[in-house]
Amino acid sequence: MVQPTRPMILPRLDRYPQRIEPQLSPFDAGVLSFFSYLQPLRGRKAAWGSDASIVHHVRAAQDRLPASLGACLDLIPALRRQLKIQGERLPIVEGAHLLALLQRVAEEVLEQRPYDVQLAATWSLMCGEIAEMGTGEGKSLTAAIAAAALAFRGRQVHVLTVNDYLASRDAERFSDFFSTLGLSSGCIEEGLPAEDRSKLYQSNIIFSAAKNVVFDYLRDQTGPSSNVLSGLPAKLSQLIPQDSVAAPILQGLDAVIVDEADSVLIDQAATPFILSGGDAALGGLDELVLMNALQLADKLVEGKHFKNHPALRRVTLTEDGKDWLSSWVDGDQGLLAVAPIREHIVSQALVARHLLLRNRDYLIKEDKIQIIDESTGRIMPDRQWSEGLHQLVEIKEALPPSEIRTTLGRITYQRFFPRYRHLCGMSGTARPAARELWETYGLTVRRILPRKPDRRRWAPIKIFPTSTSKWQAIASYVSRLHSQDIPVLIGTRTLDASRQCSAALVSHGIPHHVLNAEEIEKEATIVSLAGEPGQVTVATNMAGRGTDIILSDRARSVGGLHVILTELHENRRIDLQLAGRCGRQGDLGQVDCLLSLEDTIFSGEAKIFKTLTSGLIHIGQTKAAYALMKLLQAKQTRRAEASRRRLQKYERQRERTLALTGALE
């Protein structure tokens, strides 16, 4: 048996490595956005497949490798020294030699030989691109090989994904691979003590959910170690005795591989990450003030006193509403007596009352409000809505309001990820977001051709007048599939919709599993069974990303997995991710889309679309009706993109305002 090389632990930092952010003026940002619209295909590169140049070079390098694994491992020390002295861009010949070695080790240790398309994707990541790979093409193995390759070049690599489950799964799966190569690895999970996190960050390769690393970065920037980092604090640190300086948690921001890159870099980009302190900062927003604001909000009349914009997730007071509030409040109402504060708090109360819905935007668990991320379907623990909104929702649900805490640090993904010296990622649906990825992060997208052709079938669209008729039709259809031993995955948009679907299946006597934010502990078990014959799985977007449903031989023989889409999401990429659960590596599969006129996409300002869609269905024009729904979906996608652009503009303004400190955090 070959003894693995002793893993290397990185030394403690002398300085915090990260890239200096480009400083864009409002004019520069406007010009960049203008040209990105003129060139909608900007950011896309030519596709690579098994005939890519790097693949041919790897094949040639394989012939020069020793026959035994032990002899290959003996090459590692010299190869590591050679790669570290190379320039920023690794020549293709040396890169091919490295990939050939990693391919051999992966084949021996993991008993899984990387395919040619995975090697092409690895090279794309090493070049700092977003590699678009289809479902089942092996993104996890690709990320592991790319992480090892970057670590061989002397980089410290973060492999970041959308949740702790996927991070811990991959960290455990590839730990032997890394240790055989002499690379140390670890996984940062939520709840891990700071001391343990600091030790793990000294490893060559770190797996984690993106949010964990962001918060650790904020702790470094705002905590005792901030004077050894960057900007003005770094200069002032020369005046401080070095013995009194605490070590930072992170090892800097050197290289990162972002799994499900479009979800992390685009869908979650509009959520600011706020690090709160230990001291409460109520600022007068005590429970009585918030309760009075809710009572005032309940007395306002929609359309007269305020306008509700569900698609924008925003409520605006009308002039009549402001005048009514002014006439109702007297001088004894504390903060509510101040017009700007009163209007803001009441607007927040209206959002809590009318826009944030239980079992869609949040659930109540252990007498606490747990926020649900719509794009992933998962709970975001320890997250709060800001500016009193979270406390207003708690009061609405008859829960004791939590404290509004002091803000220590704040950053968004749009400002965090460009600070990495080497940024790259993977996704199955990156091309639709290519323009925004290029405009925001300077990243280009390269499609990696599938190893086998896509054999999925897309069934004709069906649209029903009500959600009740839709669920009954789905239950009847699933009953027929279940009797034929065909595995079925039913995708729902919200937790409440998964419950309605489950109730319809129960009424038809169909055994099934439900995967949503309430059943997260059973995720691994449910996913492992989803590809078995006759299995029926109802899932929110938790099953849409990073979930490989492996089919049994019997399931393949009866036609593969059937995926049923029950609603259109705000962004089509989320629908495509769910559809991508079937047809894995050339497997058979089918995608069915069963929608209704009561779906969430028609809420709020989309009433005219609903009327037109209903008319088209009435005359039998289902395809035209579906085209209209996709047009509405595209409109909502553009609205979300505009919201992210406004946030980015706001962050630049804050940066200029706080420029004296040397850092926005």
Foldseek 3Di string as FASTA:
>chain_A
DADAAAADFFDFDQEFAWADDDFDDPVRLVVLVVVLVVPVQPQADAFAELPDPLNVLLVVLLVVQDPDLNSLLVCLVVLLVVLQPDDLDDDSNSVSNLLNSLQVLCCVFVVDGQDSLLSVVLVCQSVQFAEADFPQNDPLVSVVSSLLVVVSNVFQEEEAEAAQVLQVVSCVSCQRSQRNNNFHEEEDHPPDDLVVLLSRLSTSYYGYHPLVVVVLVLCCCQHQQVLRYDFPSVVCCVVPPPVSGDGRSHSHFAAYAYEQCCCQQPVQQLDKDWDFDDDFDCVPVDPVLLVVLLVLLVPDDDPQQWDDFQLLLFIGGDPRNLVVQQVVDDPVSPPCNDSVSVRVSNRLSNSLVPHQDEQFQWHADPLATWGARLLQQATDPPDADDDCSRQSNSVVVVGHGDGHGHTRDIDGSLPPQLGHNRYYYYHNPCSVVSSVCCSRRVHHYHYRDAPDDQAEAEDDAAEAADVVVLLLVVLVVLVVQLVLQAQEEEEDRTSVVLVVNVVNNVVVVQDAEEEGNVPPVCVVVRLQCRQGGSYYYYYYSNCQGPRARDHDPSNLVSFGYEYEYEACDLACVSVVSSVSNTRNSNGGYYYYYYYYLPDPLCPDPNVVLSVVLVVCVVVPNNVVSVVSSVVSSVVSVVSSVVSSVVSVVVQSVQCVVPVVRRDSD
